mmCIF file of all heavy atoms, coordinates in Angstrom:
data_MODEL
# 
_entry.id   MODEL 
# 
loop_
_atom_site.group_PDB 
_atom_site.id 
_atom_site.type_symbol 
_atom_site.label_atom_id 
_atom_site.label_alt_id 
_atom_site.label_comp_id 
_atom_site.label_asym_id 
_atom_site.label_entity_id 
_atom_site.label_seq_id 
_atom_site.pdbx_PDB_ins_code 
_atom_site.Cartn_x 
_atom_site.Cartn_y 
_atom_site.Cartn_z 
_atom_site.occupancy 
_atom_site.B_iso_or_equiv 
_atom_site.pdbx_formal_charge 
_atom_site.auth_seq_id 
_atom_site.auth_comp_id 
_atom_site.auth_asym_id 
_atom_site.auth_atom_id 
_atom_site.pdbx_PDB_model_num 
ATOM 1   N N   . ALA A 1 1  ? 143.903 42.430 139.503 1.00 0.00 ? 1  ALA A N   1 
ATOM 2   C CA  . ALA A 1 1  ? 144.404 43.780 139.224 1.00 0.00 ? 1  ALA A CA  1 
ATOM 3   C C   . ALA A 1 1  ? 145.430 44.201 140.275 1.00 0.00 ? 1  ALA A C   1 
ATOM 4   O O   . ALA A 1 1  ? 146.446 44.831 139.950 1.00 0.00 ? 1  ALA A O   1 
ATOM 5   C CB  . ALA A 1 1  ? 143.247 44.765 139.183 1.00 0.00 ? 1  ALA A CB  1 
ATOM 6   N N   . ILE A 1 2  ? 145.174 43.826 141.528 1.00 0.00 ? 2  ILE A N   1 
ATOM 7   C CA  . ILE A 1 2  ? 146.124 44.157 142.607 1.00 0.00 ? 2  ILE A CA  1 
ATOM 8   C C   . ILE A 1 2  ? 147.429 43.385 142.417 1.00 0.00 ? 2  ILE A C   1 
ATOM 9   O O   . ILE A 1 2  ? 148.523 43.945 142.516 1.00 0.00 ? 2  ILE A O   1 
ATOM 10  C CB  . ILE A 1 2  ? 145.499 43.843 143.979 1.00 0.00 ? 2  ILE A CB  1 
ATOM 11  C CG1 . ILE A 1 2  ? 144.330 44.794 144.254 1.00 0.00 ? 2  ILE A CG1 1 
ATOM 12  C CG2 . ILE A 1 2  ? 146.543 43.947 145.086 1.00 0.00 ? 2  ILE A CG2 1 
ATOM 13  C CD1 . ILE A 1 2  ? 143.505 44.433 145.471 1.00 0.00 ? 2  ILE A CD1 1 
ATOM 14  N N   . ILE A 1 3  ? 147.309 42.093 142.116 1.00 0.00 ? 3  ILE A N   1 
ATOM 15  C CA  . ILE A 1 3  ? 148.506 41.264 141.907 1.00 0.00 ? 3  ILE A CA  1 
ATOM 16  C C   . ILE A 1 3  ? 149.320 41.762 140.717 1.00 0.00 ? 3  ILE A C   1 
ATOM 17  O O   . ILE A 1 3  ? 150.544 41.880 140.780 1.00 0.00 ? 3  ILE A O   1 
ATOM 18  C CB  . ILE A 1 3  ? 148.095 39.784 141.713 1.00 0.00 ? 3  ILE A CB  1 
ATOM 19  C CG1 . ILE A 1 3  ? 147.505 39.218 143.006 1.00 0.00 ? 3  ILE A CG1 1 
ATOM 20  C CG2 . ILE A 1 3  ? 149.298 38.944 141.261 1.00 0.00 ? 3  ILE A CG2 1 
ATOM 21  C CD1 . ILE A 1 3  ? 146.851 37.856 142.845 1.00 0.00 ? 3  ILE A CD1 1 
ATOM 22  N N   . ASP A 1 4  ? 148.630 42.072 139.622 1.00 0.00 ? 4  ASP A N   1 
ATOM 23  C CA  . ASP A 1 4  ? 149.311 42.464 138.382 1.00 0.00 ? 4  ASP A CA  1 
ATOM 24  C C   . ASP A 1 4  ? 149.827 43.901 138.400 1.00 0.00 ? 4  ASP A C   1 
ATOM 25  O O   . ASP A 1 4  ? 150.491 44.326 137.447 1.00 0.00 ? 4  ASP A O   1 
ATOM 26  C CB  . ASP A 1 4  ? 148.363 42.294 137.188 1.00 0.00 ? 4  ASP A CB  1 
ATOM 27  C CG  . ASP A 1 4  ? 148.071 40.841 136.879 1.00 0.00 ? 4  ASP A CG  1 
ATOM 28  O OD1 . ASP A 1 4  ? 148.915 39.987 137.229 1.00 0.00 ? 4  ASP A OD1 1 
ATOM 29  O OD2 . ASP A 1 4  ? 147.006 40.549 136.298 1.00 0.00 ? 4  ASP A OD2 1 
ATOM 30  N N   . SER A 1 5  ? 149.548 44.630 139.464 1.00 0.00 ? 5  SER A N   1 
ATOM 31  C CA  . SER A 1 5  ? 149.959 46.039 139.506 1.00 0.00 ? 5  SER A CA  1 
ATOM 32  C C   . SER A 1 5  ? 151.477 46.209 139.421 1.00 0.00 ? 5  SER A C   1 
ATOM 33  O O   . SER A 1 5  ? 151.963 47.241 138.967 1.00 0.00 ? 5  SER A O   1 
ATOM 34  C CB  . SER A 1 5  ? 149.425 46.718 140.770 1.00 0.00 ? 5  SER A CB  1 
ATOM 35  O OG  . SER A 1 5  ? 149.994 46.147 141.938 1.00 0.00 ? 5  SER A OG  1 
ATOM 36  N N   . THR A 1 6  ? 152.239 45.180 139.834 1.00 0.00 ? 6  THR A N   1 
ATOM 37  C CA  . THR A 1 6  ? 153.706 45.288 139.749 1.00 0.00 ? 6  THR A CA  1 
ATOM 38  C C   . THR A 1 6  ? 154.205 45.207 138.306 1.00 0.00 ? 6  THR A C   1 
ATOM 39  O O   . THR A 1 6  ? 155.378 45.480 138.047 1.00 0.00 ? 6  THR A O   1 
ATOM 40  C CB  . THR A 1 6  ? 154.396 44.185 140.576 1.00 0.00 ? 6  THR A CB  1 
ATOM 41  O OG1 . THR A 1 6  ? 153.944 42.902 140.135 1.00 0.00 ? 6  THR A OG1 1 
ATOM 42  C CG2 . THR A 1 6  ? 154.089 44.354 142.063 1.00 0.00 ? 6  THR A CG2 1 
ATOM 43  N N   . ASP A 1 7  ? 153.330 44.835 137.370 1.00 0.00 ? 7  ASP A N   1 
ATOM 44  C CA  . ASP A 1 7  ? 153.711 44.786 135.960 1.00 0.00 ? 7  ASP A CA  1 
ATOM 45  C C   . ASP A 1 7  ? 153.642 46.161 135.287 1.00 0.00 ? 7  ASP A C   1 
ATOM 46  O O   . ASP A 1 7  ? 154.090 46.312 134.142 1.00 0.00 ? 7  ASP A O   1 
ATOM 47  C CB  . ASP A 1 7  ? 152.810 43.814 135.189 1.00 0.00 ? 7  ASP A CB  1 
ATOM 48  C CG  . ASP A 1 7  ? 153.124 42.355 135.504 1.00 0.00 ? 7  ASP A CG  1 
ATOM 49  O OD1 . ASP A 1 7  ? 154.209 42.097 136.049 1.00 0.00 ? 7  ASP A OD1 1 
ATOM 50  O OD2 . ASP A 1 7  ? 152.278 41.489 135.204 1.00 0.00 ? 7  ASP A OD2 1 
ATOM 51  N N   . GLU A 1 8  ? 153.057 47.128 135.977 1.00 0.00 ? 8  GLU A N   1 
ATOM 52  C CA  . GLU A 1 8  ? 152.943 48.469 135.404 1.00 0.00 ? 8  GLU A CA  1 
ATOM 53  C C   . GLU A 1 8  ? 154.337 49.091 135.240 1.00 0.00 ? 8  GLU A C   1 
ATOM 54  O O   . GLU A 1 8  ? 155.173 49.020 136.137 1.00 0.00 ? 8  GLU A O   1 
ATOM 55  C CB  . GLU A 1 8  ? 152.078 49.356 136.297 1.00 0.00 ? 8  GLU A CB  1 
ATOM 56  C CG  . GLU A 1 8  ? 150.635 48.879 136.461 1.00 0.00 ? 8  GLU A CG  1 
ATOM 57  C CD  . GLU A 1 8  ? 149.828 49.014 135.180 1.00 0.00 ? 8  GLU A CD  1 
ATOM 58  O OE1 . GLU A 1 8  ? 150.221 49.843 134.323 1.00 0.00 ? 8  GLU A OE1 1 
ATOM 59  O OE2 . GLU A 1 8  ? 148.824 48.293 135.029 1.00 0.00 ? 8  GLU A OE2 1 
ATOM 60  N N   . ASP A 1 9  ? 154.565 49.726 134.103 1.00 0.00 ? 9  ASP A N   1 
ATOM 61  C CA  . ASP A 1 9  ? 155.892 50.272 133.791 1.00 0.00 ? 9  ASP A CA  1 
ATOM 62  C C   . ASP A 1 9  ? 156.364 51.323 134.786 1.00 0.00 ? 9  ASP A C   1 
ATOM 63  O O   . ASP A 1 9  ? 157.562 51.451 135.058 1.00 0.00 ? 9  ASP A O   1 
ATOM 64  C CB  . ASP A 1 9  ? 155.891 50.880 132.379 1.00 0.00 ? 9  ASP A CB  1 
ATOM 65  C CG  . ASP A 1 9  ? 155.754 49.817 131.300 1.00 0.00 ? 9  ASP A CG  1 
ATOM 66  O OD1 . ASP A 1 9  ? 156.113 48.654 131.575 1.00 0.00 ? 9  ASP A OD1 1 
ATOM 67  O OD2 . ASP A 1 9  ? 155.295 50.157 130.197 1.00 0.00 ? 9  ASP A OD2 1 
ATOM 68  N N   . TYR A 1 10 ? 155.426 52.084 135.372 1.00 0.00 ? 10 TYR A N   1 
ATOM 69  C CA  . TYR A 1 10 ? 155.830 53.171 136.265 1.00 0.00 ? 10 TYR A CA  1 
ATOM 70  C C   . TYR A 1 10 ? 156.500 52.653 137.532 1.00 0.00 ? 10 TYR A C   1 
ATOM 71  O O   . TYR A 1 10 ? 157.271 53.378 138.171 1.00 0.00 ? 10 TYR A O   1 
ATOM 72  C CB  . TYR A 1 10 ? 154.629 54.050 136.624 1.00 0.00 ? 10 TYR A CB  1 
ATOM 73  C CG  . TYR A 1 10 ? 153.718 53.481 137.681 1.00 0.00 ? 10 TYR A CG  1 
ATOM 74  C CD1 . TYR A 1 10 ? 153.951 53.749 139.037 1.00 0.00 ? 10 TYR A CD1 1 
ATOM 75  C CD2 . TYR A 1 10 ? 152.635 52.686 137.339 1.00 0.00 ? 10 TYR A CD2 1 
ATOM 76  C CE1 . TYR A 1 10 ? 153.114 53.219 140.015 1.00 0.00 ? 10 TYR A CE1 1 
ATOM 77  C CE2 . TYR A 1 10 ? 151.804 52.160 138.310 1.00 0.00 ? 10 TYR A CE2 1 
ATOM 78  C CZ  . TYR A 1 10 ? 152.032 52.435 139.639 1.00 0.00 ? 10 TYR A CZ  1 
ATOM 79  O OH  . TYR A 1 10 ? 151.213 51.909 140.597 1.00 0.00 ? 10 TYR A OH  1 
ATOM 80  N N   . ILE A 1 11 ? 156.239 51.398 137.901 1.00 0.00 ? 11 ILE A N   1 
ATOM 81  C CA  . ILE A 1 11 ? 156.821 50.832 139.119 1.00 0.00 ? 11 ILE A CA  1 
ATOM 82  C C   . ILE A 1 11 ? 158.345 50.792 139.014 1.00 0.00 ? 11 ILE A C   1 
ATOM 83  O O   . ILE A 1 11 ? 159.064 51.338 139.855 1.00 0.00 ? 11 ILE A O   1 
ATOM 84  C CB  . ILE A 1 11 ? 156.274 49.408 139.389 1.00 0.00 ? 11 ILE A CB  1 
ATOM 85  C CG1 . ILE A 1 11 ? 154.766 49.437 139.639 1.00 0.00 ? 11 ILE A CG1 1 
ATOM 86  C CG2 . ILE A 1 11 ? 157.012 48.761 140.559 1.00 0.00 ? 11 ILE A CG2 1 
ATOM 87  C CD1 . ILE A 1 11 ? 154.367 50.063 140.953 1.00 0.00 ? 11 ILE A CD1 1 
ATOM 88  N N   . ASN A 1 12 ? 158.850 50.147 137.983 1.00 0.00 ? 12 ASN A N   1 
ATOM 89  C CA  . ASN A 1 12 ? 160.307 50.057 137.816 1.00 0.00 ? 12 ASN A CA  1 
ATOM 90  C C   . ASN A 1 12 ? 160.936 51.413 137.506 1.00 0.00 ? 12 ASN A C   1 
ATOM 91  O O   . ASN A 1 12 ? 162.076 51.674 137.906 1.00 0.00 ? 12 ASN A O   1 
ATOM 92  C CB  . ASN A 1 12 ? 160.663 49.044 136.731 1.00 0.00 ? 12 ASN A CB  1 
ATOM 93  C CG  . ASN A 1 12 ? 160.610 47.607 137.245 1.00 0.00 ? 12 ASN A CG  1 
ATOM 94  O OD1 . ASN A 1 12 ? 160.685 47.361 138.445 1.00 0.00 ? 12 ASN A OD1 1 
ATOM 95  N ND2 . ASN A 1 12 ? 160.473 46.657 136.337 1.00 0.00 ? 12 ASN A ND2 1 
ATOM 96  N N   . ARG A 1 13 ? 160.206 52.292 136.807 1.00 0.00 ? 13 ARG A N   1 
ATOM 97  C CA  . ARG A 1 13 ? 160.731 53.635 136.560 1.00 0.00 ? 13 ARG A CA  1 
ATOM 98  C C   . ARG A 1 13 ? 160.940 54.379 137.880 1.00 0.00 ? 13 ARG A C   1 
ATOM 99  O O   . ARG A 1 13 ? 161.955 55.057 138.078 1.00 0.00 ? 13 ARG A O   1 
ATOM 100 C CB  . ARG A 1 13 ? 159.776 54.425 135.662 1.00 0.00 ? 13 ARG A CB  1 
ATOM 101 C CG  . ARG A 1 13 ? 159.807 54.028 134.197 1.00 0.00 ? 13 ARG A CG  1 
ATOM 102 C CD  . ARG A 1 13 ? 159.300 55.146 133.300 1.00 0.00 ? 13 ARG A CD  1 
ATOM 103 N NE  . ARG A 1 13 ? 157.950 55.568 133.678 1.00 0.00 ? 13 ARG A NE  1 
ATOM 104 C CZ  . ARG A 1 13 ? 156.838 55.070 133.144 1.00 0.00 ? 13 ARG A CZ  1 
ATOM 105 N NH1 . ARG A 1 13 ? 156.913 54.123 132.210 1.00 0.00 ? 13 ARG A NH1 1 
ATOM 106 N NH2 . ARG A 1 13 ? 155.660 55.498 133.522 1.00 0.00 ? 13 ARG A NH2 1 
ATOM 107 N N   . SER A 1 14 ? 159.987 54.228 138.782 1.00 0.00 ? 14 SER A N   1 
ATOM 108 C CA  . SER A 1 14 ? 160.090 54.883 140.095 1.00 0.00 ? 14 SER A CA  1 
ATOM 109 C C   . SER A 1 14 ? 161.239 54.302 140.911 1.00 0.00 ? 14 SER A C   1 
ATOM 110 O O   . SER A 1 14 ? 161.971 55.037 141.579 1.00 0.00 ? 14 SER A O   1 
ATOM 111 C CB  . SER A 1 14 ? 158.775 54.726 140.866 1.00 0.00 ? 14 SER A CB  1 
ATOM 112 O OG  . SER A 1 14 ? 157.703 55.334 140.178 1.00 0.00 ? 14 SER A OG  1 
ATOM 113 N N   . ILE A 1 15 ? 161.413 52.979 140.833 1.00 0.00 ? 15 ILE A N   1 
ATOM 114 C CA  . ILE A 1 15 ? 162.510 52.329 141.566 1.00 0.00 ? 15 ILE A CA  1 
ATOM 115 C C   . ILE A 1 15 ? 163.863 52.803 141.030 1.00 0.00 ? 15 ILE A C   1 
ATOM 116 O O   . ILE A 1 15 ? 164.786 53.091 141.799 1.00 0.00 ? 15 ILE A O   1 
ATOM 117 C CB  . ILE A 1 15 ? 162.389 50.792 141.467 1.00 0.00 ? 15 ILE A CB  1 
ATOM 118 C CG1 . ILE A 1 15 ? 161.153 50.313 142.235 1.00 0.00 ? 15 ILE A CG1 1 
ATOM 119 C CG2 . ILE A 1 15 ? 163.644 50.110 142.018 1.00 0.00 ? 15 ILE A CG2 1 
ATOM 120 C CD1 . ILE A 1 15 ? 160.842 48.833 142.068 1.00 0.00 ? 15 ILE A CD1 1 
ATOM 121 N N   . LEU A 1 16 ? 163.978 52.911 139.712 1.00 0.00 ? 16 LEU A N   1 
ATOM 122 C CA  . LEU A 1 16 ? 165.229 53.371 139.106 1.00 0.00 ? 16 LEU A CA  1 
ATOM 123 C C   . LEU A 1 16 ? 165.570 54.798 139.527 1.00 0.00 ? 16 LEU A C   1 
ATOM 124 O O   . LEU A 1 16 ? 166.735 55.128 139.766 1.00 0.00 ? 16 LEU A O   1 
ATOM 125 C CB  . LEU A 1 16 ? 165.135 53.277 137.582 1.00 0.00 ? 16 LEU A CB  1 
ATOM 126 C CG  . LEU A 1 16 ? 165.191 51.856 136.997 1.00 0.00 ? 16 LEU A CG  1 
ATOM 127 C CD1 . LEU A 1 16 ? 164.840 51.878 135.518 1.00 0.00 ? 16 LEU A CD1 1 
ATOM 128 C CD2 . LEU A 1 16 ? 166.567 51.244 137.212 1.00 0.00 ? 16 LEU A CD2 1 
ATOM 129 N N   . LYS A 1 17 ? 164.557 55.646 139.648 1.00 0.00 ? 17 LYS A N   1 
ATOM 130 C CA  . LYS A 1 17 ? 164.769 57.024 140.094 1.00 0.00 ? 17 LYS A CA  1 
ATOM 131 C C   . LYS A 1 17 ? 165.275 57.048 141.534 1.00 0.00 ? 17 LYS A C   1 
ATOM 132 O O   . LYS A 1 17 ? 166.173 57.819 141.881 1.00 0.00 ? 17 LYS A O   1 
ATOM 133 C CB  . LYS A 1 17 ? 163.471 57.817 139.980 1.00 0.00 ? 17 LYS A CB  1 
ATOM 134 C CG  . LYS A 1 17 ? 163.097 58.184 138.559 1.00 0.00 ? 17 LYS A CG  1 
ATOM 135 C CD  . LYS A 1 17 ? 161.793 58.962 138.519 1.00 0.00 ? 17 LYS A CD  1 
ATOM 136 C CE  . LYS A 1 17 ? 161.391 59.288 137.080 1.00 0.00 ? 17 LYS A CE  1 
ATOM 137 N NZ  . LYS A 1 17 ? 160.088 60.019 137.037 1.00 0.00 ? 17 LYS A NZ  1 
ATOM 138 N N   . LEU A 1 18 ? 164.693 56.192 142.381 1.00 0.00 ? 18 LEU A N   1 
ATOM 139 C CA  . LEU A 1 18 ? 165.133 56.113 143.777 1.00 0.00 ? 18 LEU A CA  1 
ATOM 140 C C   . LEU A 1 18 ? 166.566 55.618 143.875 1.00 0.00 ? 18 LEU A C   1 
ATOM 141 O O   . LEU A 1 18 ? 167.365 56.132 144.658 1.00 0.00 ? 18 LEU A O   1 
ATOM 142 C CB  . LEU A 1 18 ? 164.207 55.179 144.562 1.00 0.00 ? 18 LEU A CB  1 
ATOM 143 C CG  . LEU A 1 18 ? 162.823 55.715 144.927 1.00 0.00 ? 18 LEU A CG  1 
ATOM 144 C CD1 . LEU A 1 18 ? 161.975 54.605 145.513 1.00 0.00 ? 18 LEU A CD1 1 
ATOM 145 C CD2 . LEU A 1 18 ? 162.934 56.873 145.909 1.00 0.00 ? 18 LEU A CD2 1 
ATOM 146 N N   . LYS A 1 19 ? 166.896 54.606 143.069 1.00 0.00 ? 19 LYS A N   1 
ATOM 147 C CA  . LYS A 1 19 ? 168.258 54.054 143.076 1.00 0.00 ? 19 LYS A CA  1 
ATOM 148 C C   . LYS A 1 19 ? 169.282 55.106 142.669 1.00 0.00 ? 19 LYS A C   1 
ATOM 149 O O   . LYS A 1 19 ? 170.361 55.216 143.247 1.00 0.00 ? 19 LYS A O   1 
ATOM 150 C CB  . LYS A 1 19 ? 168.336 52.845 142.130 1.00 0.00 ? 19 LYS A CB  1 
ATOM 151 C CG  . LYS A 1 19 ? 167.556 51.634 142.610 1.00 0.00 ? 19 LYS A CG  1 
ATOM 152 C CD  . LYS A 1 19 ? 167.561 50.518 141.599 1.00 0.00 ? 19 LYS A CD  1 
ATOM 153 C CE  . LYS A 1 19 ? 168.920 49.913 141.427 1.00 0.00 ? 19 LYS A CE  1 
ATOM 154 N NZ  . LYS A 1 19 ? 168.908 48.569 140.885 1.00 0.00 ? 19 LYS A NZ  1 
ATOM 155 N N   . GLU A 1 20 ? 168.912 55.888 141.656 1.00 0.00 ? 20 GLU A N   1 
ATOM 156 C CA  . GLU A 1 20 ? 169.827 56.917 141.158 1.00 0.00 ? 20 GLU A CA  1 
ATOM 157 C C   . GLU A 1 20 ? 169.955 58.072 142.151 1.00 0.00 ? 20 GLU A C   1 
ATOM 158 O O   . GLU A 1 20 ? 171.059 58.561 142.406 1.00 0.00 ? 20 GLU A O   1 
ATOM 159 C CB  . GLU A 1 20 ? 169.317 57.448 139.815 1.00 0.00 ? 20 GLU A CB  1 
ATOM 160 C CG  . GLU A 1 20 ? 170.237 58.464 139.177 1.00 0.00 ? 20 GLU A CG  1 
ATOM 161 C CD  . GLU A 1 20 ? 169.709 58.938 137.832 1.00 0.00 ? 20 GLU A CD  1 
ATOM 162 O OE1 . GLU A 1 20 ? 168.764 58.320 137.300 1.00 0.00 ? 20 GLU A OE1 1 
ATOM 163 O OE2 . GLU A 1 20 ? 170.247 59.935 137.317 1.00 0.00 ? 20 GLU A OE2 1 
ATOM 164 N N   . LYS A 1 21 ? 168.849 58.467 142.738 1.00 0.00 ? 21 LYS A N   1 
ATOM 165 C CA  . LYS A 1 21 ? 168.852 59.622 143.640 1.00 0.00 ? 21 LYS A CA  1 
ATOM 166 C C   . LYS A 1 21 ? 169.568 59.335 144.957 1.00 0.00 ? 21 LYS A C   1 
ATOM 167 O O   . LYS A 1 21 ? 170.316 60.165 145.466 1.00 0.00 ? 21 LYS A O   1 
ATOM 168 C CB  . LYS A 1 21 ? 167.414 60.070 143.910 1.00 0.00 ? 21 LYS A CB  1 
ATOM 169 C CG  . LYS A 1 21 ? 167.302 61.321 144.762 1.00 0.00 ? 21 LYS A CG  1 
ATOM 170 C CD  . LYS A 1 21 ? 165.856 61.774 144.893 1.00 0.00 ? 21 LYS A CD  1 
ATOM 171 C CE  . LYS A 1 21 ? 165.758 63.052 145.730 1.00 0.00 ? 21 LYS A CE  1 
ATOM 172 N NZ  . LYS A 1 21 ? 164.343 63.513 145.857 1.00 0.00 ? 21 LYS A NZ  1 
ATOM 173 N N   . TYR A 1 22 ? 169.329 58.147 145.510 1.00 0.00 ? 22 TYR A N   1 
ATOM 174 C CA  . TYR A 1 22 ? 169.842 57.846 146.852 1.00 0.00 ? 22 TYR A CA  1 
ATOM 175 C C   . TYR A 1 22 ? 170.978 56.827 146.857 1.00 0.00 ? 22 TYR A C   1 
ATOM 176 O O   . TYR A 1 22 ? 171.482 56.466 147.915 1.00 0.00 ? 22 TYR A O   1 
ATOM 177 C CB  . TYR A 1 22 ? 168.705 57.334 147.746 1.00 0.00 ? 22 TYR A CB  1 
ATOM 178 C CG  . TYR A 1 22 ? 167.628 58.367 147.972 1.00 0.00 ? 22 TYR A CG  1 
ATOM 179 C CD1 . TYR A 1 22 ? 166.409 58.266 147.307 1.00 0.00 ? 22 TYR A CD1 1 
ATOM 180 C CD2 . TYR A 1 22 ? 167.829 59.449 148.823 1.00 0.00 ? 22 TYR A CD2 1 
ATOM 181 C CE1 . TYR A 1 22 ? 165.411 59.217 147.498 1.00 0.00 ? 22 TYR A CE1 1 
ATOM 182 C CE2 . TYR A 1 22 ? 166.836 60.394 149.031 1.00 0.00 ? 22 TYR A CE2 1 
ATOM 183 C CZ  . TYR A 1 22 ? 165.629 60.270 148.369 1.00 0.00 ? 22 TYR A CZ  1 
ATOM 184 O OH  . TYR A 1 22 ? 164.647 61.207 148.561 1.00 0.00 ? 22 TYR A OH  1 
ATOM 185 N N   . ASP A 1 23 ? 171.361 56.343 145.665 1.00 0.00 ? 23 ASP A N   1 
ATOM 186 C CA  . ASP A 1 23 ? 172.450 55.368 145.544 1.00 0.00 ? 23 ASP A CA  1 
ATOM 187 C C   . ASP A 1 23 ? 172.214 54.163 146.453 1.00 0.00 ? 23 ASP A C   1 
ATOM 188 O O   . ASP A 1 23 ? 173.059 53.789 147.270 1.00 0.00 ? 23 ASP A O   1 
ATOM 189 C CB  . ASP A 1 23 ? 173.795 56.024 145.882 1.00 0.00 ? 23 ASP A CB  1 
ATOM 190 C CG  . ASP A 1 23 ? 174.968 55.131 145.491 1.00 0.00 ? 23 ASP A CG  1 
ATOM 191 O OD1 . ASP A 1 23 ? 174.807 54.327 144.555 1.00 0.00 ? 23 ASP A OD1 1 
ATOM 192 O OD2 . ASP A 1 23 ? 176.022 55.220 146.155 1.00 0.00 ? 23 ASP A OD2 1 
ATOM 193 N N   . ILE A 1 24 ? 171.035 53.571 146.357 1.00 0.00 ? 24 ILE A N   1 
ATOM 194 C CA  . ILE A 1 24 ? 170.667 52.415 147.175 1.00 0.00 ? 24 ILE A CA  1 
ATOM 195 C C   . ILE A 1 24 ? 170.366 51.218 146.278 1.00 0.00 ? 24 ILE A C   1 
ATOM 196 O O   . ILE A 1 24 ? 170.051 51.372 145.098 1.00 0.00 ? 24 ILE A O   1 
ATOM 197 C CB  . ILE A 1 24 ? 169.434 52.704 148.068 1.00 0.00 ? 24 ILE A CB  1 
ATOM 198 C CG1 . ILE A 1 24 ? 168.273 53.254 147.221 1.00 0.00 ? 24 ILE A CG1 1 
ATOM 199 C CG2 . ILE A 1 24 ? 169.794 53.672 149.184 1.00 0.00 ? 24 ILE A CG2 1 
ATOM 200 C CD1 . ILE A 1 24 ? 167.007 53.488 148.002 1.00 0.00 ? 24 ILE A CD1 1 
ATOM 201 N N   . LYS A 1 25 ? 170.487 50.037 146.858 1.00 0.00 ? 25 LYS A N   1 
ATOM 202 C CA  . LYS A 1 25 ? 170.223 48.807 146.113 1.00 0.00 ? 25 LYS A CA  1 
ATOM 203 C C   . LYS A 1 25 ? 168.759 48.414 146.287 1.00 0.00 ? 25 LYS A C   1 
ATOM 204 O O   . LYS A 1 25 ? 168.308 48.128 147.389 1.00 0.00 ? 25 LYS A O   1 
ATOM 205 C CB  . LYS A 1 25 ? 171.131 47.683 146.611 1.00 0.00 ? 25 LYS A CB  1 
ATOM 206 C CG  . LYS A 1 25 ? 172.604 47.890 146.288 1.00 0.00 ? 25 LYS A CG  1 
ATOM 207 C CD  . LYS A 1 25 ? 173.439 46.712 146.755 1.00 0.00 ? 25 LYS A CD  1 
ATOM 208 C CE  . LYS A 1 25 ? 174.902 46.902 146.408 1.00 0.00 ? 25 LYS A CE  1 
ATOM 209 N NZ  . LYS A 1 25 ? 175.725 45.752 146.865 1.00 0.00 ? 25 LYS A NZ  1 
# 
C-alpha cells in the first residue's frame, strides 16, 4: 500500500498544481 501510493490520482494532480503555481519543473 505504501509503495503503490504513488499510483493515486491525487499525487499527479497536486504536482501539476505546484508546477502551475510556482512555474517549477
